């Protein structure tokens, strides 16, 4: 029988990770557009913004893909997903999503969940 809180946490990880994972597709498309068409004319040179924003959005896409993979792993009760879930909960806390991070840590650090994954 699957733990109810682990199922909820898995759903939260999937729901927050899917939009971020879209950046894995969108940031290379934006880079390709800039490479082919150049920077649109504006008041200033925005090339340095693109050099910062595109890698950051790609990094956010990687975090989203990690969250989705963790959600699937928690759903299937994998040990690696327990460790990755702790990391994602820590990222939520550092990212300002304290209630979600605290719920993730509460869920994963309970004795019944730790016994199942070991």
PDB file of N, CA and C in Angstrom:
ATOM      1  N   UNK A   1       0.843  -1.188   0.000  1.00  0.00           N
ATOM      2  CA  UNK A   1       0.000   0.000   0.000  1.00  0.00           C
ATOM      3  C   UNK A   1       0.886   1.248   0.000  1.00  0.00           C
ATOM      4  N   UNK A   2       0.602   2.153  -0.908  1.00  0.00           N
ATOM      5  CA  UNK A   2       1.379   3.383  -1.037  1.00  0.00           C
ATOM      6  C   UNK A   2       0.956   4.386   0.031  1.00  0.00           C
ATOM      7  N   UNK A   3       1.940   5.067   0.595  1.00  0.00           N
ATOM      8  CA  UNK A   3       1.683   6.092   1.595  1.00  0.00           C
ATOM      9  C   UNK A   3       0.999   7.298   0.943  1.00  0.00           C
ATOM     10  N   UNK A   4      -0.030   7.809   1.593  1.00  0.00           N
ATOM     11  CA  UNK A   4      -0.811   8.913   1.037  1.00  0.00           C
ATOM     12  C   UNK A   4       0.031  10.178   0.876  1.00  0.00           C
ATOM     13  N   UNK A   5       0.881  10.471   1.864  1.00  0.00           N
ATOM     14  CA  UNK A   5       1.696  11.683   1.792  1.00  0.00           C
ATOM     15  C   UNK A   5       2.756  11.589   0.700  1.00  0.00           C
ATOM     16  N   UNK A   6       3.289  10.402   0.479  1.00  0.00           N
ATOM     17  CA  UNK A   6       4.266  10.228  -0.605  1.00  0.00           C
ATOM     18  C   UNK A   6       3.582  10.422  -1.953  1.00  0.00           C
ATOM     19  N   UNK A   7       2.347   9.963  -2.088  1.00  0.00           N
ATOM     20  CA  UNK A   7       1.603  10.180  -3.330  1.00  0.00           C
ATOM     21  C   UNK A   7       1.341  11.661  -3.563  1.00  0.00           C
ATOM     22  N   UNK A   8       0.982  12.381  -2.513  1.00  0.00           N
ATOM     23  CA  UNK A   8       0.739  13.824  -2.637  1.00  0.00           C
ATOM     24  C   UNK A   8       2.026  14.547  -3.006  1.00  0.00           C
ATOM     25  N   UNK A   9       3.127  14.183  -2.336  1.00  0.00           N
ATOM     26  CA  UNK A   9       4.411  14.808  -2.649  1.00  0.00           C
ATOM     27  C   UNK A   9       4.835  14.502  -4.074  1.00  0.00           C
ATOM     28  N   UNK A  10       4.596  13.295  -4.525  1.00  0.00           N
ATOM     29  CA  UNK A  10       4.916  12.936  -5.900  1.00  0.00           C
ATOM     30  C   UNK A  10       4.124  13.801  -6.877  1.00  0.00           C
ATOM     31  N   UNK A  11       2.853  14.016  -6.591  1.00  0.00           N
ATOM     32  CA  UNK A  11       2.036  14.883  -7.439  1.00  0.00           C
ATOM     33  C   UNK A  11       2.519  16.323  -7.432  1.00  0.00           C
ATOM     34  N   UNK A  12       2.906  16.828  -6.257  1.00  0.00           N
ATOM     35  CA  UNK A  12       3.425  18.195  -6.171  1.00  0.00           C
ATOM     36  C   UNK A  12       4.718  18.354  -6.957  1.00  0.00           C
ATOM     37  N   UNK A  13       5.592  17.360  -6.843  1.00  0.00           N
ATOM     38  CA  UNK A  13       6.845  17.418  -7.596  1.00  0.00           C
ATOM     39  C   UNK A  13       6.578  17.407  -9.102  1.00  0.00           C
ATOM     40  N   UNK A  14       5.646  16.573  -9.525  1.00  0.00           N
ATOM     41  CA  UNK A  14       5.316  16.521 -10.949  1.00  0.00           C
ATOM     42  C   UNK A  14       4.679  17.813 -11.443  1.00  0.00           C
ATOM     43  N   UNK A  15       3.763  18.374 -10.649  1.00  0.00           N
ATOM     44  CA  UNK A  15       3.073  19.607 -11.063  1.00  0.00           C
ATOM     45  C   UNK A  15       3.999  20.809 -11.115  1.00  0.00           C
ATOM     46  N   UNK A  16       4.959  20.864 -10.199  1.00  0.00           N
ATOM     47  CA  UNK A  16       5.890  21.999 -10.229  1.00  0.00           C
ATOM     48  C   UNK A  16       7.041  21.767 -11.201  1.00  0.00           C
ATOM     49  N   UNK A  17       7.322  20.520 -11.518  1.00  0.00           N
ATOM     50  CA  UNK A  17       8.443  20.228 -12.403  1.00  0.00           C
ATOM     51  C   UNK A  17       8.111  20.291 -13.878  1.00  0.00           C
ATOM     52  N   UNK A  18       6.880  19.965 -14.246  1.00  0.00           N
ATOM     53  CA  UNK A  18       6.521  19.963 -15.669  1.00  0.00           C
ATOM     54  C   UNK A  18       6.673  21.331 -16.342  1.00  0.00           C
ATOM     55  N   UNK A  19       6.174  22.412 -15.749  1.00  0.00           N
ATOM     56  CA  UNK A  19       6.377  23.717 -16.421  1.00  0.00           C
ATOM     57  C   UNK A  19       7.850  24.096 -16.530  1.00  0.00           C
ATOM     58  N   UNK A  20       8.636  23.761 -15.504  1.00  0.00           N
ATOM     59  CA  UNK A  20      10.061  24.062 -15.574  1.00  0.00           C
ATOM     60  C   UNK A  20      10.758  23.218 -16.627  1.00  0.00           C
ATOM     61  N   UNK A  21      10.323  21.972 -16.772  1.00  0.00           N
ATOM     62  CA  UNK A  21      10.949  21.086 -17.755  1.00  0.00           C
ATOM     63  C   UNK A  21      10.721  21.585 -19.185  1.00  0.00           C
ATOM     64  N   UNK A  22       9.696  22.391 -19.398  1.00  0.00           N
ATOM     65  CA  UNK A  22       9.478  22.963 -20.736  1.00  0.00           C
ATOM     66  C   UNK A  22      10.620  23.870 -21.166  1.00  0.00           C
ATOM     67  N   UNK A  23      11.348  24.432 -20.191  1.00  0.00           N
ATOM     68  CA  UNK A  23      12.482  25.280 -20.524  1.00  0.00           C
ATOM     69  C   UNK A  23      13.584  24.497 -21.220  1.00  0.00           C
ATOM     70  N   UNK A  24      13.623  23.169 -21.052  1.00  0.00           N
ATOM     71  CA  UNK A  24      14.608  22.363 -21.771  1.00  0.00           C
ATOM     72  C   UNK A  24      14.380  22.435 -23.276  1.00  0.00           C
ATOM     73  N   UNK A  25      13.151  22.664 -23.670  1.00  0.00           N
ATOM     74  CA  UNK A  25      12.831  22.792 -25.092  1.00  0.00           C
ATOM     75  C   UNK A  25      12.874  24.257 -25.527  1.00  0.00           C
ATOM     76  N   UNK A  26      12.352  25.133 -24.689  1.00  0.00           N
ATOM     77  CA  UNK A  26      12.210  26.532 -25.091  1.00  0.00           C
ATOM     78  C   UNK A  26      13.526  27.290 -25.138  1.00  0.00           C
ATOM     79  N   UNK A  27      14.442  27.023 -24.210  1.00  0.00           N
ATOM     80  CA  UNK A  27      15.694  27.786 -24.216  1.00  0.00           C
ATOM     81  C   UNK A  27      16.583  27.457 -25.423  1.00  0.00           C
ATOM     82  N   UNK A  28      16.716  26.187 -25.841  1.00  0.00           N
ATOM     83  CA  UNK A  28      17.475  25.974 -27.088  1.00  0.00           C
ATOM     84  C   UNK A  28      16.792  26.578 -28.314  1.00  0.00           C
ATOM     85  N   UNK A  29      15.450  26.582 -28.336  1.00  0.00           N
ATOM     86  CA  UNK A  29      14.750  27.215 -29.455  1.00  0.00           C
ATOM     87  C   UNK A  29      15.013  28.715 -29.485  1.00  0.00           C
ATOM     88  N   UNK A  30      15.036  29.337 -28.311  1.00  0.00           N
ATOM     89  CA  UNK A  30      15.331  30.771 -28.257  1.00  0.00           C
ATOM     90  C   UNK A  30      16.768  31.039 -28.682  1.00  0.00           C
ATOM     91  N   UNK A  31      17.691  30.188 -28.275  1.00  0.00           N
ATOM     92  CA  UNK A  31      19.089  30.362 -28.689  1.00  0.00           C
ATOM     93  C   UNK A  31      19.233  30.187 -30.191  1.00  0.00           C
ATOM     94  N   UNK A  32      18.501  29.227 -30.752  1.00  0.00           N
ATOM     95  CA  UNK A  32      18.542  29.015 -32.198  1.00  0.00           C
ATOM     96  C   UNK A  32      17.976  30.222 -32.942  1.00  0.00           C
ATOM     97  N   UNK A  33      16.903  30.788 -32.427  1.00  0.00           N
ATOM     98  CA  UNK A  33      16.313  31.975 -33.043  1.00  0.00           C
ATOM     99  C   UNK A  33      17.294  33.136 -33.030  1.00  0.00           C
ATOM    100  N   UNK A  34      17.981  33.325 -31.900  1.00  0.00           N
ATOM    101  CA  UNK A  34      18.957  34.413 -31.811  1.00  0.00           C
ATOM    102  C   UNK A  34      20.136  34.148 -32.744  1.00  0.00           C
ATOM    103  N   UNK A  35      20.557  32.876 -32.824  1.00  0.00           N
ATOM    104  CA  UNK A  35      21.699  32.546 -33.686  1.00  0.00           C
ATOM    105  C   UNK A  35      21.366  32.754 -35.157  1.00  0.00           C
ATOM    106  N   UNK A  36      20.140  32.430 -35.559  1.00  0.00           N
ATOM    107  CA  UNK A  36      19.770  32.550 -36.966  1.00  0.00           C
ATOM    108  C   UNK A  36      19.350  33.962 -37.355  1.00  0.00           C
ATOM    109  N   UNK A  37      18.587  34.619 -36.490  1.00  0.00           N
ATOM    110  CA  UNK A  37      18.028  35.928 -36.840  1.00  0.00           C
ATOM    111  C   UNK A  37      18.747  37.095 -36.187  1.00  0.00           C
ATOM    112  N   UNK A  38      19.579  36.809 -35.199  1.00  0.00           N
ATOM    113  CA  UNK A  38      20.283  37.885 -34.512  1.00  0.00           C
ATOM    114  C   UNK A  38      19.418  38.506 -33.435  1.00  0.00           C
ATOM    115  N   UNK A  39      20.011  39.425 -32.725  1.00  0.00           N
ATOM    116  CA  UNK A  39      19.309  40.131 -31.654  1.00  0.00           C
ATOM    117  C   UNK A  39      18.453  41.217 -32.289  1.00  0.00           C
ATOM    118  N   UNK A  40      17.167  41.288 -31.902  1.00  0.00           N
ATOM    119  CA  UNK A  40      16.331  42.357 -32.490  1.00  0.00           C
ATOM    120  C   UNK A  40      16.845  43.727 -32.081  1.00  0.00           C
ATOM    121  N   UNK A  41      16.700  44.705 -32.968  1.00  0.00           N
ATOM    122  CA  UNK A  41      17.215  46.038 -32.640  1.00  0.00           C
ATOM    123  C   UNK A  41      16.457  46.635 -31.460  1.00  0.00           C
ATOM    124  N   UNK A  42      17.196  47.292 -30.623  1.00  0.00           N
ATOM    125  CA  UNK A  42      16.603  47.937 -29.458  1.00  0.00           C
ATOM    126  C   UNK A  42      17.441  49.131 -29.054  1.00  0.00           C
ATOM    127  N   UNK A  43      17.175  49.619 -27.879  1.00  0.00           N
ATOM    128  CA  UNK A  43      17.902  50.795 -27.414  1.00  0.00           C
ATOM    129  C   UNK A  43      19.324  50.461 -26.970  1.00  0.00           C
ATOM    130  N   UNK A  44      19.532  49.251 -26.504  1.00  0.00           N
ATOM    131  CA  UNK A  44      20.859  48.863 -26.043  1.00  0.00           C
ATOM    132  C   UNK A  44      21.231  47.505 -26.587  1.00  0.00           C
ATOM    133  N   UNK A  45      22.438  47.109 -26.287  1.00  0.00           N
ATOM    134  CA  UNK A  45      22.895  45.799 -26.724  1.00  0.00           C
ATOM    135  C   UNK A  45      22.438  44.770 -25.700  1.00  0.00           C
ATOM    136  N   UNK A  46      21.527  43.906 -26.104  1.00  0.00           N
ATOM    137  CA  UNK A  46      20.971  42.906 -25.193  1.00  0.00           C
ATOM    138  C   UNK A  46      21.665  41.559 -25.288  1.00  0.00           C
ATOM    139  N   UNK A  47      22.782  41.490 -25.941  1.00  0.00           N
ATOM    140  CA  UNK A  47      23.478  40.212 -26.104  1.00  0.00           C
ATOM    141  C   UNK A  47      23.941  39.654 -24.768  1.00  0.00           C
ATOM    142  N   UNK A  48      24.364  40.520 -23.855  1.00  0.00           N
ATOM    143  CA  UNK A  48      24.819  40.031 -22.555  1.00  0.00           C
ATOM    144  C   UNK A  48      23.654  39.484 -21.734  1.00  0.00           C
ATOM    145  N   UNK A  49      22.463  40.031 -21.941  1.00  0.00           N
ATOM    146  CA  UNK A  49      21.288  39.494 -21.247  1.00  0.00           C
ATOM    147  C   UNK A  49      20.993  38.093 -21.757  1.00  0.00           C
ATOM    148  N   UNK A  50      21.087  37.911 -23.050  1.00  0.00           N
ATOM    149  CA  UNK A  50      20.863  36.586 -23.618  1.00  0.00           C
ATOM    150  C   UNK A  50      21.906  35.591 -23.136  1.00  0.00           C
ATOM    151  N   UNK A  51      23.136  36.058 -22.962  1.00  0.00           N
ATOM    152  CA  UNK A  51      24.194  35.167 -22.476  1.00  0.00           C
ATOM    153  C   UNK A  51      23.948  34.731 -21.046  1.00  0.00           C
ATOM    154  N   UNK A  52      23.180  35.479 -20.296  1.00  0.00           N
ATOM    155  CA  UNK A  52      22.873  35.116 -18.909  1.00  0.00           C
ATOM    156  C   UNK A  52      21.544  34.379 -18.825  1.00  0.00           C
ATOM    157  N   UNK A  53      20.533  34.893 -19.501  1.00  0.00           N
ATOM    158  CA  UNK A  53      19.178  34.357 -19.359  1.00  0.00           C
ATOM    159  C   UNK A  53      19.035  32.965 -19.975  1.00  0.00           C
ATOM    160  N   UNK A  54      19.580  32.737 -21.145  1.00  0.00           N
ATOM    161  CA  UNK A  54      19.412  31.433 -21.787  1.00  0.00           C
ATOM    162  C   UNK A  54      20.037  30.287 -20.987  1.00  0.00           C
ATOM    163  N   UNK A  55      21.266  30.424 -20.460  1.00  0.00           N
ATOM    164  CA  UNK A  55      21.779  29.331 -19.620  1.00  0.00           C
ATOM    165  C   UNK A  55      20.982  29.148 -18.329  1.00  0.00           C
ATOM    166  N   UNK A  56      20.487  30.247 -17.760  1.00  0.00           N
ATOM    167  CA  UNK A  56      19.680  30.111 -16.541  1.00  0.00           C
ATOM    168  C   UNK A  56      18.369  29.381 -16.807  1.00  0.00           C
ATOM    169  N   UNK A  57      17.736  29.697 -17.924  1.00  0.00           N
ATOM    170  CA  UNK A  57      16.488  28.995 -18.228  1.00  0.00           C
ATOM    171  C   UNK A  57      16.744  27.528 -18.543  1.00  0.00           C
ATOM    172  N   UNK A  58      17.863  27.221 -19.175  1.00  0.00           N
ATOM    173  CA  UNK A  58      18.201  25.822 -19.414  1.00  0.00           C
ATOM    174  C   UNK A  58      18.451  25.103 -18.094  1.00  0.00           C
ATOM    175  N   UNK A  59      19.120  25.776 -17.153  1.00  0.00           N
ATOM    176  CA  UNK A  59      19.336  25.199 -15.824  1.00  0.00           C
ATOM    177  C   UNK A  59      18.026  24.951 -15.091  1.00  0.00           C
ATOM    178  N   UNK A  60      17.091  25.877 -15.205  1.00  0.00           N
ATOM    179  CA  UNK A  60      15.767  25.666 -14.599  1.00  0.00           C
ATOM    180  C   UNK A  60      15.057  24.483 -15.245  1.00  0.00           C
ATOM    181  N   UNK A  61      15.261  24.299 -16.532  1.00  0.00           N
ATOM    182  CA  UNK A  61      14.695  23.142 -17.210  1.00  0.00           C
ATOM    183  C   UNK A  61      15.266  21.839 -16.673  1.00  0.00           C
ATOM    184  N   UNK A  62      16.566  21.836 -16.380  1.00  0.00           N
ATOM    185  CA  UNK A  62      17.178  20.640 -15.789  1.00  0.00           C
ATOM    186  C   UNK A  62      16.618  20.355 -14.407  1.00  0.00           C
ATOM    187  N   UNK A  63      16.391  21.405 -13.620  1.00  0.00           N
ATOM    188  CA  UNK A  63      15.786  21.222 -12.292  1.00  0.00           C
ATOM    189  C   UNK A  63      14.376  20.662 -12.432  1.00  0.00           C
ATOM    190  N   UNK A  64      13.621  21.165 -13.396  1.00  0.00           N
ATOM    191  CA  UNK A  64      12.269  20.649 -13.632  1.00  0.00           C
ATOM    192  C   UNK A  64      12.277  19.192 -14.048  1.00  0.00           C
ATOM    193  N   UNK A  65      13.215  18.819 -14.918  1.00  0.00           N
ATOM    194  CA  UNK A  65      13.320  17.417 -15.334  1.00  0.00           C
ATOM    195  C   UNK A  65      13.697  16.531 -14.145  1.00  0.00           C
ATOM    196  N   UNK A  66      14.551  17.031 -13.265  1.00  0.00           N
ATOM    197  CA  UNK A  66      14.902  16.295 -12.042  1.00  0.00           C
ATOM    198  C   UNK A  66      13.672  16.097 -11.164  1.00  0.00           C
ATOM    199  N   UNK A  67      12.852  17.128 -11.048  1.00  0.00           N
ATOM    200  CA  UNK A  67      11.648  17.008 -10.228  1.00  0.00           C
ATOM    201  C   UNK A  67      10.668  15.999 -10.815  1.00  0.00           C
ATOM    202  N   UNK A  68      10.506  16.002 -12.115  1.00  0.00           N
ATOM    203  CA  UNK A  68       9.589  15.050 -12.749  1.00  0.00           C
ATOM    204  C   UNK A  68      10.111  13.624 -12.572  1.00  0.00           C
ATOM    205  N   UNK A  69      11.412  13.427 -12.773  1.00  0.00           N
ATOM    206  CA  UNK A  69      11.993  12.097 -12.581  1.00  0.00           C
ATOM    207  C   UNK A  69      11.860  11.651 -11.132  1.00  0.00           C
ATOM    208  N   UNK A  70      12.030  12.563 -10.196  1.00  0.00           N
ATOM    209  CA  UNK A  70      11.874  12.242  -8.778  1.00  0.00           C
ATOM    210  C   UNK A  70      10.429  11.877  -8.467  1.00  0.00           C
ATOM    211  N   UNK A  71       9.488  12.592  -9.069  1.00  0.00           N
ATOM    212  CA  UNK A  71       8.072  12.279  -8.845  1.00  0.00           C
ATOM    213  C   UNK A  71       7.749  10.867  -9.312  1.00  0.00           C
ATOM    214  N   UNK A  72       8.249  10.500 -10.486  1.00  0.00           N
ATOM    215  CA  UNK A  72       8.005   9.145 -11.001  1.00  0.00           C
ATOM    216  C   UNK A  72       8.678   8.112 -10.104  1.00  0.00           C
ATOM    217  N   UNK A  73       9.905   8.401  -9.669  1.00  0.00           N
ATOM    218  CA  UNK A  73      10.611   7.471  -8.793  1.00  0.00           C
ATOM    219  C   UNK A  73       9.942   7.300  -7.444  1.00  0.00           C
ATOM    220  N   UNK A  74       9.429   8.384  -6.880  1.00  0.00           N
ATOM    221  CA  UNK A  74       8.703   8.268  -5.605  1.00  0.00           C
ATOM    222  C   UNK A  74       7.423   7.465  -5.792  1.00  0.00           C
ATOM    223  N   UNK A  75       6.770   7.665  -6.921  1.00  0.00           N
ATOM    224  CA  UNK A  75       5.549   6.916  -7.189  1.00  0.00           C
ATOM    225  C   UNK A  75       5.840   5.420  -7.260  1.00  0.00           C
ATOM    226  N   UNK A  76       6.999   5.077  -7.815  1.00  0.00           N
ATOM    227  CA  UNK A  76       7.395   3.663  -7.947  1.00  0.00           C
ATOM    228  C   UNK A  76       8.187   3.162  -6.738  1.00  0.00           C
ATOM    229  N   UNK A  77       8.355   4.012  -5.716  1.00  0.00           N
ATOM    230  CA  UNK A  77       9.001   3.677  -4.442  1.00  0.00           C
ATOM    231  C   UNK A  77      10.457   3.243  -4.630  1.00  0.00           C
ATOM    232  N   UNK A  78      11.225   4.041  -5.351  1.00  0.00           N
ATOM    233  CA  UNK A  78      12.641   3.776  -5.565  1.00  0.00           C
ATOM    234  C   UNK A  78      13.469   4.475  -4.487  1.00  0.00           C
ATOM    235  N   UNK A  79      14.569   3.850  -4.096  1.00  0.00           N
ATOM    236  CA  UNK A  79      15.420   4.429  -3.044  1.00  0.00           C
ATOM    237  C   UNK A  79      16.090   5.712  -3.523  1.00  0.00           C
ATOM    238  N   UNK A  80      16.572   5.749  -4.763  1.00  0.00           N
ATOM    239  CA  UNK A  80      17.230   6.946  -5.263  1.00  0.00           C
ATOM    240  C   UNK A  80      16.284   8.136  -5.267  1.00  0.00           C
ATOM    241  N   UNK A  81      14.993   7.866  -5.453  1.00  0.00           N
ATOM    242  CA  UNK A  81      14.010   8.951  -5.485  1.00  0.00           C
ATOM    243  C   UNK A  81      13.817   9.549  -4.100  1.00  0.00           C
ATOM    244  N   UNK A  82      14.020   8.746  -3.062  1.00  0.00           N
ATOM    245  CA  UNK A  82      13.919   9.274  -1.698  1.00  0.00           C
ATOM    246  C   UNK A  82      15.018  10.311  -1.475  1.00  0.00           C
ATOM    247  N   UNK A  83      16.235   9.985  -1.897  1.00  0.00           N
ATOM    248  CA  UNK A  83      17.355  10.915  -1.752  1.00  0.00           C
ATOM    249  C   UNK A  83      17.135  12.151  -2.633  1.00  0.00           C
ATOM    250  N   UNK A  84      16.692  11.943  -3.863  1.00  0.00           N
ATOM    251  CA  UNK A  84      16.428  13.071  -4.764  1.00  0.00           C
ATOM    252  C   UNK A  84      15.275  13.930  -4.243  1.00  0.00           C
ATOM    253  N   UNK A  85      14.286  13.299  -3.596  1.00  0.00           N
ATOM    254  CA  UNK A  85      13.185  14.051  -3.002  1.00  0.00           C
ATOM    255  C   UNK A  85      13.657  14.942  -1.869  1.00  0.00           C
ATOM    256  N   UNK A  86      14.602  14.457  -1.088  1.00  0.00           N
ATOM    257  CA  UNK A  86      15.176  15.300  -0.039  1.00  0.00           C
ATOM    258  C   UNK A  86      15.901  16.496  -0.640  1.00  0.00           C
ATOM    259  N   UNK A  87      16.614  16.268  -1.735  1.00  0.00           N
ATOM    260  CA  UNK A  87      17.309  17.368  -2.420  1.00  0.00           C
ATOM    261  C   UNK A  87      16.313  18.380  -2.986  1.00  0.00           C
ATOM    262  N   UNK A  88      15.246  17.892  -3.603  1.00  0.00           N
ATOM    263  CA  UNK A  88      14.225  18.794  -4.159  1.00  0.00           C
ATOM    264  C   UNK A  88      13.536  19.589  -3.055  1.00  0.00           C
ATOM    265  N   UNK A  89      13.280  18.950  -1.918  1.00  0.00           N
ATOM    266  CA  UNK A  89      12.669  19.666  -0.801  1.00  0.00           C
ATOM    267  C   UNK A  89      13.605  20.748  -0.281  1.00  0.00           C
ATOM    268  N   UNK A  90      14.897  20.444  -0.237  1.00  0.00           N
ATOM    269  CA  UNK A  90      15.865  21.464   0.161  1.00  0.00           C
ATOM    270  C   UNK A  90      15.915  22.614  -0.827  1.00  0.00           C
ATOM    271  N   UNK A  91      15.807  22.308  -2.122  1.00  0.00           N
ATOM    272  CA  UNK A  91      15.771  23.375  -3.131  1.00  0.00           C
ATOM    273  C   UNK A  91      14.526  24.238  -2.978  1.00  0.00           C
ATOM    274  N   UNK A  92      13.410  23.600  -2.659  1.00  0.00           N
ATOM    275  CA  UNK A  92      12.182  24.372  -2.431  1.00  0.00           C
ATOM    276  C   UNK A  92      12.353  25.332  -1.262  1.00  0.00           C
ATOM    277  N   UNK A  93      12.972  24.855  -0.184  1.00  0.00           N
ATOM    278  CA  UNK A  93      13.166  25.720   0.986  1.00  0.00           C
ATOM    279  C   UNK A  93      14.084  26.881   0.631  1.00  0.00           C
ATOM    280  N   UNK A  94      15.188  26.598  -0.060  1.00  0.00           N
ATOM    281  CA  UNK A  94      16.119  27.669  -0.439  1.00  0.00           C
ATOM    282  C   UNK A  94      15.509  28.607  -1.474  1.00  0.00           C
ATOM    283  N   UNK A  95      14.571  28.107  -2.261  1.00  0.00           N
ATOM    284  CA  UNK A  95      13.926  28.928  -3.276  1.00  0.00           C
ATOM    285  C   UNK A  95      12.762  29.758  -2.750  1.00  0.00           C
ATOM    286  N   UNK A  96      12.498  29.692  -1.471  1.00  0.00           N
ATOM    287  CA  UNK A  96      11.427  30.488  -0.882  1.00  0.00           C
ATOM    288  C   UNK A  96      10.090  29.781  -0.792  1.00  0.00           C
ATOM    289  N   UNK A  97      10.031  28.535  -1.181  1.00  0.00           N
ATOM    290  CA  UNK A  97       8.779  27.771  -1.077  1.00  0.00           C
ATOM    291  C   UNK A  97       8.809  26.935   0.204  1.00  0.00           C
ATOM    292  N   UNK A  98       8.890  27.616   1.325  1.00  0.00           N
ATOM    293  CA  UNK A  98       9.060  26.962   2.623  1.00  0.00           C
ATOM    294  C   UNK A  98       7.964  25.953   2.944  1.00  0.00           C
ATOM    295  N   UNK A  99       6.677  26.252   2.719  1.00  0.00           N
ATOM    296  CA  UNK A  99       5.655  25.247   3.043  1.00  0.00           C
ATOM    297  C   UNK A  99       5.806  23.953   2.233  1.00  0.00           C
ATOM    298  N   UNK A 100       6.129  24.066   0.940  1.00  0.00           N
ATOM    299  CA  UNK A 100       6.300  22.868   0.127  1.00  0.00           C
ATOM    300  C   UNK A 100       7.534  22.086   0.555  1.00  0.00           C
ATOM    301  N   UNK A 101       8.620  22.785   0.824  1.00  0.00           N
ATOM    302  CA  UNK A 101       9.836  22.118   1.266  1.00  0.00           C
ATOM    303  C   UNK A 101       9.671  21.448   2.619  1.00  0.00           C
ATOM    304  N   UNK A 102       8.982  22.123   3.533  1.00  0.00           N
ATOM    305  CA  UNK A 102       8.748  21.537   4.854  1.00  0.00           C
ATOM    306  C   UNK A 102       7.854  20.303   4.748  1.00  0.00           C
ATOM    307  N   UNK A 103       6.847  20.370   3.881  1.00  0.00           N
ATOM    308  CA  UNK A 103       5.988  19.204   3.686  1.00  0.00           C
ATOM    309  C   UNK A 103       6.770  18.040   3.093  1.00  0.00           C
ATOM    310  N   UNK A 104       7.660  18.331   2.132  1.00  0.00           N
ATOM    311  CA  UNK A 104       8.482  17.284   1.540  1.00  0.00           C
ATOM    312  C   UNK A 104       9.395  16.633   2.564  1.00  0.00           C
ATOM    313  N   UNK A 105      10.028  17.436   3.404  1.00  0.00           N
ATOM    314  CA  UNK A 105      10.901  16.875   4.437  1.00  0.00           C
ATOM    315  C   UNK A 105      10.089  16.097   5.467  1.00  0.00           C
ATOM    316  N   UNK A 106       8.924  16.628   5.850  1.00  0.00           N
ATOM    317  CA  UNK A 106       8.055  15.910   6.791  1.00  0.00           C
ATOM    318  C   UNK A 106       7.662  14.551   6.229  1.00  0.00           C
ATOM    319  N   UNK A 107       7.320  14.527   4.954  1.00  0.00           N
ATOM    320  CA  UNK A 107       6.881  13.284   4.326  1.00  0.00           C
ATOM    321  C   UNK A 107       8.009  12.270   4.230  1.00  0.00           C
ATOM    322  N   UNK A 108       9.166  12.696   3.779  1.00  0.00           N
ATOM    323  CA  UNK A 108      10.245  11.755   3.493  1.00  0.00           C
ATOM    324  C   UNK A 108      11.035  11.337   4.725  1.00  0.00           C
ATOM    325  N   UNK A 109      11.024  12.124   5.772  1.00  0.00           N
ATOM    326  CA  UNK A 109      11.814  11.788   6.948  1.00  0.00           C
ATOM    327  C   UNK A 109      11.032  11.039   8.023  1.00  0.00           C
ATOM    328  N   UNK A 110       9.801  10.677   7.733  1.00  0.00           N
ATOM    329  CA  UNK A 110       9.046   9.866   8.692  1.00  0.00           C
ATOM    330  C   UNK A 110       9.614   8.454   8.733  1.00  0.00           C
ATOM    331  N   UNK A 111       9.513   7.813   9.872  1.00  0.00           N
ATOM    332  CA  UNK A 111      10.112   6.481  10.055  1.00  0.00           C
ATOM    333  C   UNK A 111       9.500   5.447   9.112  1.00  0.00           C
ATOM    334  N   UNK A 112       8.195   5.515   8.881  1.00  0.00           N
ATOM    335  CA  UNK A 112       7.555   4.515   8.022  1.00  0.00           C
ATOM    336  C   UNK A 112       8.051   4.609   6.583  1.00  0.00           C
ATOM    337  N   UNK A 113       8.311   5.816   6.102  1.00  0.00           N
ATOM    338  CA  UNK A 113       8.797   5.992   4.735  1.00  0.00           C
ATOM    339  C   UNK A 113      10.257   5.565   4.645  1.00  0.00           C
ATOM    340  N   UNK A 114      11.054   5.916   5.661  1.00  0.00           N
ATOM    341  CA  UNK A 114      12.467   5.528   5.651  1.00  0.00           C
ATOM    342  C   UNK A 114      12.624   4.004   5.679  1.00  0.00           C
ATOM    343  N   UNK A 115      11.744   3.306   6.388  1.00  0.00           N
ATOM    344  CA  UNK A 115      11.826   1.846   6.448  1.00  0.00           C
ATOM    345  C   UNK A 115      11.495   1.217   5.091  1.00  0.00           C
ATOM    346  N   UNK A 116      10.569   1.806   4.363  1.00  0.00           N
ATOM    347  CA  UNK A 116      10.184   1.250   3.053  1.00  0.00           C
ATOM    348  C   UNK A 116      11.278   1.389   2.015  1.00  0.00           C
ATOM    349  N   UNK A 117      12.022   2.461   2.073  1.00  0.00           N
ATOM    350  CA  UNK A 117      13.023   2.678   1.030  1.00  0.00           C
ATOM    351  C   UNK A 117      14.368   2.029   1.347  1.00  0.00           C
ATOM    352  N   UNK A 118      14.568   1.594   2.572  1.00  0.00           N
ATOM    353  CA  UNK A 118      15.868   0.989   2.890  1.00  0.00           C
ATOM    354  C   UNK A 118      15.862  -0.507   2.690  1.00  0.00           C
TER     355      UNK A 118
END
